[in-house]
Amino acid sequence: MKADLQAFTRSHQVALFFVLTIAVSWTIYGVEFAVGSPPIALGVFGPLLAAAVLTWATGGSLRRWGGQLFIWRVDGRWYLIVLVGFPVVFVGASTAIYAVLTGYEPDLGVLPERAWIVLFFLVFQILYAGLGEELGWRGFALPRLQDRYNALMASLIIGFFWALWHLPLFFQPDSYQAQMGPLIYLIDTFTISILFTWLYNSTGGSVLIATLFHGVFNTTLVLYPYEADLDIAEFPFLLGASRSIAMLVLAVLVVAVYGGRKLTNRESIPDTEHTGGVPANRSSTSEMETDAQQ
């Protein structure tokens, strides 16, 4: 009976991940909405918990799964792209689009006074959203989807469920999701998922890079050169739309340059075994190690 359950779980790892992630997070969000939101929304840790449970339940290696977070020896350019290049290009492009749409001129003078706020927000988002989500979306679901689909399709599948996972936040009036609406947000999750896959695959499956990128992307919300009280609940809709346009352009460029099959120039991309997981046709990590020795 136990073997049959494990075999079923192994054969439906990705579907079970999405179901469990949504079930855990929505339940937590529901409780929080009912009794009052805590200072930190705990539902964000749904992907992390679901991935850990399923890695264990399928006979995988929790050590190898978590070890993706410590893949730090990657080409230094990826750190520059994530920490410097992306925010400069993305914020610059979306600011330019917003200026064209509204006529509002940016005021770069407001940025230096936000330095400490930005730094705190960045660290918080890396440790909160980055750690809470990336060992799930990229560290678990993406490699397993890439065993069956090309990298672009895997990215879009994750983008859809990532947007669906955020559904409860659309009913919270002061959330970014509620301000932008489902269409804009769906475009965002599709396009940003492509960039996440590009980074994850190009760095040999580094969840560390994905975690940093998640924190940086969220932090770009407070990097716009306009006078504001930094209240996400009053984030301008046209600025959100400008972000979506800029992200769409970047995602299209990545697909055009690297191709949708792998979204990287590397010969191989991370698969289930990279994450310490057990493919559907294997019975355990020990069997995988035995096969590797033969």
C-alpha atoms as a PDB file:
ATOM      1  CA  MET A   1       0.000   0.000   0.000  1.00  0.00           C
ATOM      2  CA  LYS A   2       2.799   2.379   0.964  1.00  0.00           C
ATOM      3  CA  ALA A   3       4.727   1.487  -2.200  1.00  0.00           C
ATOM      4  CA  ASP A   4       1.638   2.089  -4.345  1.00  0.00           C
ATOM      5  CA  LEU A   5       1.083   5.494  -2.750  1.00  0.00           C
ATOM      6  CA  GLN A   6       4.700   6.465  -3.303  1.00  0.00           C
ATOM      7  CA  ALA A   7       4.531   5.320  -6.925  1.00  0.00           C
ATOM      8  CA  PHE A   8       1.390   7.392  -7.467  1.00  0.00           C
ATOM      9  CA  THR A   9       2.992  10.412  -5.836  1.00  0.00           C
ATOM     10  CA  ARG A  10       6.115  10.010  -7.977  1.00  0.00           C
ATOM     11  CA  SER A  11       4.054   9.766 -11.157  1.00  0.00           C
ATOM     12  CA  HIS A  12       2.121  12.964 -10.386  1.00  0.00           C
ATOM     13  CA  GLN A  13       4.770  15.060  -8.677  1.00  0.00           C
ATOM     14  CA  VAL A  14       4.163  18.329 -10.499  1.00  0.00           C
ATOM     15  CA  ALA A  15       0.360  18.195 -10.344  1.00  0.00           C
ATOM     16  CA  LEU A  16       0.518  17.358  -6.653  1.00  0.00           C
ATOM     17  CA  PHE A  17       2.965  20.205  -6.105  1.00  0.00           C
ATOM     18  CA  PHE A  18       0.586  22.743  -7.620  1.00  0.00           C
ATOM     19  CA  VAL A  19      -2.397  21.339  -5.708  1.00  0.00           C
ATOM     20  CA  LEU A  20      -0.573  21.188  -2.387  1.00  0.00           C
ATOM     21  CA  THR A  21       1.022  24.612  -2.823  1.00  0.00           C
ATOM     22  CA  ILE A  22      -2.331  26.240  -3.528  1.00  0.00           C
ATOM     23  CA  ALA A  23      -4.102  24.294  -0.773  1.00  0.00           C
ATOM     24  CA  VAL A  24      -1.529  25.227   1.878  1.00  0.00           C
ATOM     25  CA  SER A  25      -1.222  28.878   0.905  1.00  0.00           C
ATOM     26  CA  TRP A  26      -4.936  29.506   0.351  1.00  0.00           C
ATOM     27  CA  THR A  27      -5.754  27.889   3.682  1.00  0.00           C
ATOM     28  CA  ILE A  28      -3.242  30.112   5.459  1.00  0.00           C
ATOM     29  CA  TYR A  29      -4.485  33.196   3.594  1.00  0.00           C
ATOM     30  CA  GLY A  30      -8.072  32.295   4.470  1.00  0.00           C
ATOM     31  CA  VAL A  31      -7.253  32.052   8.164  1.00  0.00           C
ATOM     32  CA  GLU A  32      -5.312  35.301   8.022  1.00  0.00           C
ATOM     33  CA  PHE A  33      -8.149  37.136   6.277  1.00  0.00           C
ATOM     34  CA  ALA A  34     -10.640  35.784   8.827  1.00  0.00           C
ATOM     35  CA  VAL A  35      -8.731  36.602  12.013  1.00  0.00           C
ATOM     36  CA  GLY A  36      -6.698  39.545  10.780  1.00  0.00           C
ATOM     37  CA  SER A  37      -3.525  39.677   8.722  1.00  0.00           C
ATOM     38  CA  PRO A  38      -0.261  39.216  10.663  1.00  0.00           C
ATOM     39  CA  PRO A  39       2.729  41.507  10.022  1.00  0.00           C
ATOM     40  CA  ILE A  40       4.109  38.862   7.619  1.00  0.00           C
ATOM     41  CA  ALA A  41       1.780  36.810   5.401  1.00  0.00           C
ATOM     42  CA  LEU A  42       2.770  33.201   6.028  1.00  0.00           C
ATOM     43  CA  GLY A  43       1.017  31.865   2.926  1.00  0.00           C
ATOM     44  CA  VAL A  44       4.091  32.752   0.894  1.00  0.00           C
ATOM     45  CA  PHE A  45       5.814  29.643   2.290  1.00  0.00           C
ATOM     46  CA  GLY A  46       3.350  27.274   0.589  1.00  0.00           C
ATOM     47  CA  PRO A  47       5.688  26.426  -2.333  1.00  0.00           C
ATOM     48  CA  LEU A  48       8.575  25.717   0.042  1.00  0.00           C
ATOM     49  CA  LEU A  49       6.496  23.409   2.247  1.00  0.00           C
ATOM     50  CA  ALA A  50       4.884  21.596  -0.698  1.00  0.00           C
ATOM     51  CA  ALA A  51       8.240  20.949  -2.382  1.00  0.00           C
ATOM     52  CA  ALA A  52       9.797  19.666   0.851  1.00  0.00           C
ATOM     53  CA  VAL A  53       6.884  17.316   1.571  1.00  0.00           C
ATOM     54  CA  LEU A  54       6.822  15.897  -1.962  1.00  0.00           C
ATOM     55  CA  THR A  55      10.594  15.485  -2.151  1.00  0.00           C
ATOM     56  CA  TRP A  56      10.401  13.409   1.022  1.00  0.00           C
ATOM     57  CA  ALA A  57       7.229  11.546   0.010  1.00  0.00           C
ATOM     58  CA  THR A  58       8.679  10.462  -3.329  1.00  0.00           C
ATOM     59  CA  GLY A  59      11.874   9.116  -1.772  1.00  0.00           C
ATOM     60  CA  GLY A  60      14.008  12.010  -2.925  1.00  0.00           C
ATOM     61  CA  SER A  61      16.938  13.703  -1.230  1.00  0.00           C
ATOM     62  CA  LEU A  62      16.020  16.743   0.837  1.00  0.00           C
ATOM     63  CA  ARG A  63      19.711  17.535   1.094  1.00  0.00           C
ATOM     64  CA  ARG A  64      20.182  17.760  -2.673  1.00  0.00           C
ATOM     65  CA  TRP A  65      16.924  19.663  -3.081  1.00  0.00           C
ATOM     66  CA  GLY A  66      17.916  22.247  -0.472  1.00  0.00           C
ATOM     67  CA  GLY A  67      21.478  22.243  -1.763  1.00  0.00           C
ATOM     68  CA  GLN A  68      20.349  24.137  -4.863  1.00  0.00           C
ATOM     69  CA  LEU A  69      20.168  27.186  -2.629  1.00  0.00           C
ATOM     70  CA  PHE A  70      23.927  26.960  -2.099  1.00  0.00           C
ATOM     71  CA  ILE A  71      24.971  26.765  -5.749  1.00  0.00           C
ATOM     72  CA  TRP A  72      26.861  30.037  -5.642  1.00  0.00           C
ATOM     73  CA  ARG A  73      29.889  29.296  -7.811  1.00  0.00           C
ATOM     74  CA  VAL A  74      28.474  30.619 -11.040  1.00  0.00           C
ATOM     75  CA  ASP A  75      29.891  33.055 -13.558  1.00  0.00           C
ATOM     76  CA  GLY A  76      30.081  36.483 -11.920  1.00  0.00           C
ATOM     77  CA  ARG A  77      28.155  38.070 -14.775  1.00  0.00           C
ATOM     78  CA  TRP A  78      24.958  36.449 -13.521  1.00  0.00           C
ATOM     79  CA  TYR A  79      25.282  38.260 -10.210  1.00  0.00           C
ATOM     80  CA  LEU A  80      25.833  41.505 -12.122  1.00  0.00           C
ATOM     81  CA  ILE A  81      22.833  40.838 -14.353  1.00  0.00           C
ATOM     82  CA  VAL A  82      20.551  40.053 -11.415  1.00  0.00           C
ATOM     83  CA  LEU A  83      21.726  42.706  -8.944  1.00  0.00           C
ATOM     84  CA  VAL A  84      22.610  45.558 -11.302  1.00  0.00           C
ATOM     85  CA  GLY A  85      21.777  45.000 -14.955  1.00  0.00           C
ATOM     86  CA  PHE A  86      18.189  43.874 -14.603  1.00  0.00           C
ATOM     87  CA  PRO A  87      16.960  46.582 -12.207  1.00  0.00           C
ATOM     88  CA  VAL A  88      18.664  49.325 -14.200  1.00  0.00           C
ATOM     89  CA  VAL A  89      17.308  48.139 -17.557  1.00  0.00           C
ATOM     90  CA  PHE A  90      13.852  47.154 -16.298  1.00  0.00           C
ATOM     91  CA  VAL A  91      13.197  50.227 -14.157  1.00  0.00           C
ATOM     92  CA  GLY A  92      14.705  52.491 -16.803  1.00  0.00           C
ATOM     93  CA  ALA A  93      12.605  51.008 -19.616  1.00  0.00           C
ATOM     94  CA  SER A  94       9.346  50.977 -17.657  1.00  0.00           C
ATOM     95  CA  THR A  95       9.976  54.539 -16.427  1.00  0.00           C
ATOM     96  CA  ALA A  96      10.472  55.683 -20.018  1.00  0.00           C
ATOM     97  CA  ILE A  97       7.254  53.960 -21.109  1.00  0.00           C
ATOM     98  CA  TYR A  98       5.352  55.508 -18.189  1.00  0.00           C
ATOM     99  CA  ALA A  99       6.730  58.963 -19.038  1.00  0.00           C
ATOM    100  CA  VAL A 100       5.526  58.587 -22.627  1.00  0.00           C
ATOM    101  CA  LEU A 101       2.081  57.404 -21.528  1.00  0.00           C
ATOM    102  CA  THR A 102       1.518  60.090 -18.889  1.00  0.00           C
ATOM    103  CA  GLY A 103       3.919  62.926 -19.599  1.00  0.00           C
ATOM    104  CA  TYR A 104       5.254  62.730 -16.020  1.00  0.00           C
ATOM    105  CA  GLU A 105       8.947  63.553 -15.924  1.00  0.00           C
ATOM    106  CA  PRO A 106      11.090  61.378 -13.620  1.00  0.00           C
ATOM    107  CA  ASP A 107      12.897  63.018 -10.719  1.00  0.00           C
ATOM    108  CA  LEU A 108      16.116  61.142 -10.028  1.00  0.00           C
ATOM    109  CA  GLY A 109      16.732  63.313  -6.999  1.00  0.00           C
ATOM    110  CA  VAL A 110      14.221  61.345  -4.911  1.00  0.00           C
ATOM    111  CA  LEU A 111      16.175  58.089  -5.157  1.00  0.00           C
ATOM    112  CA  PRO A 112      19.189  58.773  -2.868  1.00  0.00           C
ATOM    113  CA  GLU A 113      16.944  59.458   0.122  1.00  0.00           C
ATOM    114  CA  ARG A 114      15.369  56.016  -0.311  1.00  0.00           C
ATOM    115  CA  ALA A 115      18.653  54.109  -0.187  1.00  0.00           C
ATOM    116  CA  TRP A 116      18.178  52.560   3.272  1.00  0.00           C
ATOM    117  CA  ILE A 117      14.532  51.761   2.595  1.00  0.00           C
ATOM    118  CA  VAL A 118      15.472  50.029  -0.660  1.00  0.00           C
ATOM    119  CA  LEU A 119      18.253  48.042   1.000  1.00  0.00           C
ATOM    120  CA  PHE A 120      15.971  46.870   3.812  1.00  0.00           C
ATOM    121  CA  PHE A 121      13.207  45.999   1.357  1.00  0.00           C
ATOM    122  CA  LEU A 122      15.644  44.036  -0.823  1.00  0.00           C
ATOM    123  CA  VAL A 123      16.974  41.941   2.062  1.00  0.00           C
ATOM    124  CA  PHE A 124      13.462  41.327   3.339  1.00  0.00           C
ATOM    125  CA  GLN A 125      12.161  40.237  -0.067  1.00  0.00           C
ATOM    126  CA  ILE A 126      15.109  37.869  -0.621  1.00  0.00           C
ATOM    127  CA  LEU A 127      14.605  36.173   2.745  1.00  0.00           C
ATOM    128  CA  TYR A 128      10.800  36.244   2.563  1.00  0.00           C
ATOM    129  CA  ALA A 129       9.446  35.862  -0.972  1.00  0.00           C
ATOM    130  CA  GLY A 130      12.670  34.480  -2.422  1.00  0.00           C
ATOM    131  CA  LEU A 131      13.233  31.727   0.116  1.00  0.00           C
ATOM    132  CA  GLY A 132       9.533  31.064   0.556  1.00  0.00           C
ATOM    133  CA  GLU A 133       8.895  30.462  -3.123  1.00  0.00           C
ATOM    134  CA  GLU A 134      11.964  29.647  -5.192  1.00  0.00           C
ATOM    135  CA  LEU A 135      12.803  26.213  -3.779  1.00  0.00           C
ATOM    136  CA  GLY A 136       9.291  25.354  -4.926  1.00  0.00           C
ATOM    137  CA  TRP A 137       8.644  27.014  -8.289  1.00  0.00           C
ATOM    138  CA  ARG A 138      12.172  26.750  -9.659  1.00  0.00           C
ATOM    139  CA  GLY A 139      13.807  24.272  -7.285  1.00  0.00           C
ATOM    140  CA  PHE A 140      11.064  21.644  -7.649  1.00  0.00           C
ATOM    141  CA  ALA A 141       8.460  22.263 -10.367  1.00  0.00           C
ATOM    142  CA  LEU A 142      10.594  23.682 -13.187  1.00  0.00           C
ATOM    143  CA  PRO A 143      13.119  20.816 -13.580  1.00  0.00           C
ATOM    144  CA  ARG A 144      10.329  18.222 -13.481  1.00  0.00           C
ATOM    145  CA  LEU A 145       8.348  20.097 -16.127  1.00  0.00           C
ATOM    146  CA  GLN A 146      11.498  20.334 -18.252  1.00  0.00           C
ATOM    147  CA  ASP A 147      11.663  16.537 -18.226  1.00  0.00           C
ATOM    148  CA  ARG A 148       8.445  16.603 -20.291  1.00  0.00           C
ATOM    149  CA  TYR A 149       8.270  19.992 -22.018  1.00  0.00           C
ATOM    150  CA  ASN A 150      10.631  22.527 -23.473  1.00  0.00           C
ATOM    151  CA  ALA A 151      11.831  25.329 -21.203  1.00  0.00           C
ATOM    152  CA  LEU A 152       9.446  27.906 -22.643  1.00  0.00           C
ATOM    153  CA  MET A 153       6.367  25.752 -22.140  1.00  0.00           C
ATOM    154  CA  ALA A 154       7.523  24.818 -18.639  1.00  0.00           C
ATOM    155  CA  SER A 155       7.872  28.520 -17.857  1.00  0.00           C
ATOM    156  CA  LEU A 156       4.366  29.320 -19.080  1.00  0.00           C
ATOM    157  CA  ILE A 157       2.844  26.463 -17.082  1.00  0.00           C
ATOM    158  CA  ILE A 158       4.513  27.745 -13.931  1.00  0.00           C
ATOM    159  CA  GLY A 159       3.465  31.290 -14.808  1.00  0.00           C
ATOM    160  CA  PHE A 160      -0.186  30.258 -14.974  1.00  0.00           C
ATOM    161  CA  PHE A 161      -0.178  28.430 -11.646  1.00  0.00           C
ATOM    162  CA  TRP A 162       1.927  31.156 -10.065  1.00  0.00           C
ATOM    163  CA  ALA A 163      -0.755  33.693 -10.982  1.00  0.00           C
ATOM    164  CA  LEU A 164      -3.516  31.350  -9.780  1.00  0.00           C
ATOM    165  CA  TRP A 165      -1.652  30.876  -6.494  1.00  0.00           C
ATOM    166  CA  HIS A 166      -1.910  34.646  -5.933  1.00  0.00           C
ATOM    167  CA  LEU A 167      -5.699  34.637  -6.457  1.00  0.00           C
ATOM    168  CA  PRO A 168      -6.639  35.401  -2.802  1.00  0.00           C
ATOM    169  CA  LEU A 169      -4.577  38.589  -2.966  1.00  0.00           C
ATOM    170  CA  PHE A 170      -6.840  39.953  -5.703  1.00  0.00           C
ATOM    171  CA  PHE A 171      -9.535  40.210  -3.038  1.00  0.00           C
ATOM    172  CA  GLN A 172      -7.289  42.212  -0.723  1.00  0.00           C
ATOM    173  CA  PRO A 173      -7.874  45.864  -1.740  1.00  0.00           C
ATOM    174  CA  ASP A 174      -4.444  47.138  -0.699  1.00  0.00           C
ATOM    175  CA  SER A 175      -2.441  44.501  -2.611  1.00  0.00           C
ATOM    176  CA  TYR A 176      -0.487  45.067  -5.816  1.00  0.00           C
ATOM    177  CA  GLN A 177      -2.519  42.281  -7.445  1.00  0.00           C
ATOM    178  CA  ALA A 178      -5.791  44.069  -6.706  1.00  0.00           C
ATOM    179  CA  GLN A 179      -4.422  47.329  -8.111  1.00  0.00           C
ATOM    180  CA  MET A 180      -3.298  45.776 -11.393  1.00  0.00           C
ATOM    181  CA  GLY A 181      -6.042  43.227 -12.045  1.00  0.00           C
ATOM    182  CA  PRO A 182      -5.781  39.653 -13.349  1.00  0.00           C
ATOM    183  CA  LEU A 183      -4.812  40.382 -16.979  1.00  0.00           C
ATOM    184  CA  ILE A 184      -1.824  42.561 -16.165  1.00  0.00           C
ATOM    185  CA  TYR A 185      -0.713  40.206 -13.436  1.00  0.00           C
ATOM    186  CA  LEU A 186      -1.014  37.120 -15.654  1.00  0.00           C
ATOM    187  CA  ILE A 187       1.194  38.791 -18.253  1.00  0.00           C
ATOM    188  CA  ASP A 188       3.670  39.532 -15.474  1.00  0.00           C
ATOM    189  CA  THR A 189       3.850  35.952 -14.205  1.00  0.00           C
ATOM    190  CA  PHE A 190       4.185  34.522 -17.724  1.00  0.00           C
ATOM    191  CA  THR A 191       7.010  36.866 -18.685  1.00  0.00           C
ATOM    192  CA  ILE A 192       8.906  36.868 -15.401  1.00  0.00           C
ATOM    193  CA  SER A 193       8.751  33.061 -15.352  1.00  0.00           C
ATOM    194  CA  ILE A 194      10.626  33.032 -18.653  1.00  0.00           C
ATOM    195  CA  LEU A 195      13.366  35.194 -17.139  1.00  0.00           C
ATOM    196  CA  PHE A 196      13.530  32.990 -14.045  1.00  0.00           C
ATOM    197  CA  THR A 197      13.960  29.901 -16.231  1.00  0.00           C
ATOM    198  CA  TRP A 198      16.664  31.626 -18.270  1.00  0.00           C
ATOM    199  CA  LEU A 199      18.606  32.452 -15.094  1.00  0.00           C
ATOM    200  CA  TYR A 200      18.045  29.083 -13.407  1.00  0.00           C
ATOM    201  CA  ASN A 201      19.037  27.058 -16.475  1.00  0.00           C
ATOM    202  CA  SER A 202      21.978  29.305 -17.330  1.00  0.00           C
ATOM    203  CA  THR A 203      23.476  28.937 -13.853  1.00  0.00           C
ATOM    204  CA  GLY A 204      23.182  25.152 -13.725  1.00  0.00           C
ATOM    205  CA  GLY A 205      20.129  25.157 -11.477  1.00  0.00           C
ATOM    206  CA  SER A 206      21.101  27.772  -8.885  1.00  0.00           C
ATOM    207  CA  VAL A 207      18.125  28.517  -6.653  1.00  0.00           C
ATOM    208  CA  LEU A 208      20.353  31.127  -4.997  1.00  0.00           C
ATOM    209  CA  ILE A 209      20.357  33.172  -8.200  1.00  0.00           C
ATOM    210  CA  ALA A 210      16.586  32.701  -8.538  1.00  0.00           C
ATOM    211  CA  THR A 211      16.094  33.792  -4.921  1.00  0.00           C
ATOM    212  CA  LEU A 212      18.180  36.926  -5.422  1.00  0.00           C
ATOM    213  CA  PHE A 213      16.316  37.707  -8.620  1.00  0.00           C
ATOM    214  CA  HIS A 214      12.957  37.319  -6.872  1.00  0.00           C
ATOM    215  CA  GLY A 215      14.024  39.793  -4.212  1.00  0.00           C
ATOM    216  CA  VAL A 216      15.381  42.251  -6.779  1.00  0.00           C
ATOM    217  CA  PHE A 217      12.248  42.065  -8.930  1.00  0.00           C
ATOM    218  CA  ASN A 218       9.980  42.819  -5.974  1.00  0.00           C
ATOM    219  CA  THR A 219      12.276  45.647  -4.890  1.00  0.00           C
ATOM    220  CA  THR A 220      11.974  47.390  -8.255  1.00  0.00           C
ATOM    221  CA  LEU A 221       8.524  48.514  -7.075  1.00  0.00           C
ATOM    222  CA  VAL A 222      10.200  51.101  -4.849  1.00  0.00           C
ATOM    223  CA  LEU A 223      12.890  52.188  -7.326  1.00  0.00           C
ATOM    224  CA  TYR A 224      10.818  54.505  -9.502  1.00  0.00           C
ATOM    225  CA  PRO A 225      12.002  58.147  -9.630  1.00  0.00           C
ATOM    226  CA  TYR A 226       8.729  59.744  -8.602  1.00  0.00           C
ATOM    227  CA  GLU A 227       7.600  61.383  -5.391  1.00  0.00           C
ATOM    228  CA  ALA A 228       5.520  58.834  -3.521  1.00  0.00           C
ATOM    229  CA  ASP A 229       4.885  57.443  -0.052  1.00  0.00           C
ATOM    230  CA  LEU A 230       5.952  54.002  -1.327  1.00  0.00           C
ATOM    231  CA  ASP A 231       2.489  52.621  -0.603  1.00  0.00           C
ATOM    232  CA  ILE A 232       1.943  49.662  -2.941  1.00  0.00           C
ATOM    233  CA  ALA A 233      -1.810  50.037  -2.352  1.00  0.00           C
ATOM    234  CA  GLU A 234      -1.654  53.235  -4.409  1.00  0.00           C
ATOM    235  CA  PHE A 235       0.677  52.023  -7.132  1.00  0.00           C
ATOM    236  CA  PRO A 236      -0.279  53.785 -10.402  1.00  0.00           C
ATOM    237  CA  PHE A 237      -2.026  51.429 -12.822  1.00  0.00           C
ATOM    238  CA  LEU A 238      -0.241  52.868 -15.856  1.00  0.00           C
ATOM    239  CA  LEU A 239       3.115  52.357 -14.169  1.00  0.00           C
ATOM    240  CA  GLY A 240       2.147  48.729 -13.550  1.00  0.00           C
ATOM    241  CA  ALA A 241       1.156  48.420 -17.213  1.00  0.00           C
ATOM    242  CA  SER A 242       4.489  49.970 -18.200  1.00  0.00           C
ATOM    243  CA  ARG A 243       6.264  47.316 -16.126  1.00  0.00           C
ATOM    244  CA  SER A 244       4.334  44.613 -17.958  1.00  0.00           C
ATOM    245  CA  ILE A 245       5.265  46.024 -21.363  1.00  0.00           C
ATOM    246  CA  ALA A 246       8.943  46.234 -20.416  1.00  0.00           C
ATOM    247  CA  MET A 247       8.897  42.695 -19.011  1.00  0.00           C
ATOM    248  CA  LEU A 248       7.212  41.364 -22.141  1.00  0.00           C
ATOM    249  CA  VAL A 249       9.911  42.919 -24.318  1.00  0.00           C
ATOM    250  CA  LEU A 250      12.683  41.425 -22.166  1.00  0.00           C
ATOM    251  CA  ALA A 251      11.063  37.976 -22.222  1.00  0.00           C
ATOM    252  CA  VAL A 252      10.656  38.071 -26.016  1.00  0.00           C
ATOM    253  CA  LEU A 253      14.307  39.050 -26.381  1.00  0.00           C
ATOM    254  CA  VAL A 254      15.438  36.139 -24.194  1.00  0.00           C
ATOM    255  CA  VAL A 255      13.366  33.675 -26.218  1.00  0.00           C
ATOM    256  CA  ALA A 256      14.642  35.155 -29.499  1.00  0.00           C
ATOM    257  CA  VAL A 257      18.290  34.974 -28.427  1.00  0.00           C
ATOM    258  CA  TYR A 258      18.353  31.656 -26.566  1.00  0.00           C
ATOM    259  CA  GLY A 259      15.466  29.748 -28.124  1.00  0.00           C
ATOM    260  CA  GLY A 260      12.463  28.265 -26.379  1.00  0.00           C
ATOM    261  CA  ARG A 261      13.818  24.718 -26.090  1.00  0.00           C
ATOM    262  CA  LYS A 262      16.306  25.392 -23.286  1.00  0.00           C
ATOM    263  CA  LEU A 263      16.348  29.206 -22.789  1.00  0.00           C
ATOM    264  CA  THR A 264      20.102  28.960 -22.341  1.00  0.00           C
ATOM    265  CA  ASN A 265      23.278  28.238 -24.284  1.00  0.00           C
ATOM    266  CA  ARG A 266      24.264  25.425 -21.913  1.00  0.00           C
ATOM    267  CA  GLU A 267      24.253  21.928 -23.381  1.00  0.00           C
ATOM    268  CA  SER A 268      22.108  20.482 -20.594  1.00  0.00           C
ATOM    269  CA  ILE A 269      19.491  21.930 -18.271  1.00  0.00           C
ATOM    270  CA  PRO A 270      18.436  20.909 -14.743  1.00  0.00           C
ATOM    271  CA  ASP A 271      16.145  17.909 -14.522  1.00  0.00           C
ATOM    272  CA  THR A 272      14.384  16.031 -11.708  1.00  0.00           C
ATOM    273  CA  GLU A 273      17.577  14.306 -10.569  1.00  0.00           C
ATOM    274  CA  HIS A 274      19.358  17.668 -10.244  1.00  0.00           C
ATOM    275  CA  THR A 275      16.892  18.578  -7.495  1.00  0.00           C
ATOM    276  CA  GLY A 276      17.394  15.318  -5.608  1.00  0.00           C
ATOM    277  CA  GLY A 277      14.063  14.097  -6.907  1.00  0.00           C
ATOM    278  CA  VAL A 278      13.155  10.649  -8.158  1.00  0.00           C
ATOM    279  CA  PRO A 279      11.817  10.359 -11.730  1.00  0.00           C
ATOM    280  CA  ALA A 280       8.598   8.406 -12.216  1.00  0.00           C
ATOM    281  CA  ASN A 281      10.481   5.390 -13.610  1.00  0.00           C
ATOM    282  CA  ARG A 282      12.807   5.075 -10.615  1.00  0.00           C
ATOM    283  CA  SER A 283      12.055   3.780  -7.152  1.00  0.00           C
ATOM    284  CA  SER A 284      14.478   5.729  -4.976  1.00  0.00           C
ATOM    285  CA  THR A 285      17.541   7.949  -4.892  1.00  0.00           C
ATOM    286  CA  SER A 286      19.616   4.880  -3.981  1.00  0.00           C
ATOM    287  CA  GLU A 287      18.551   3.227  -7.246  1.00  0.00           C
ATOM    288  CA  MET A 288      19.563   6.350  -9.110  1.00  0.00           C
ATOM    289  CA  GLU A 289      22.991   6.234  -7.515  1.00  0.00           C
ATOM    290  CA  THR A 290      23.343   2.543  -8.386  1.00  0.00           C
ATOM    291  CA  ASP A 291      22.478   3.255 -12.030  1.00  0.00           C
ATOM    292  CA  ALA A 292      25.001   6.076 -12.121  1.00  0.00           C
ATOM    293  CA  GLN A 293      27.754   3.728 -10.971  1.00  0.00           C
ATOM    294  CA  GLN A 294      27.056   1.123 -13.660  1.00  0.00           C
END
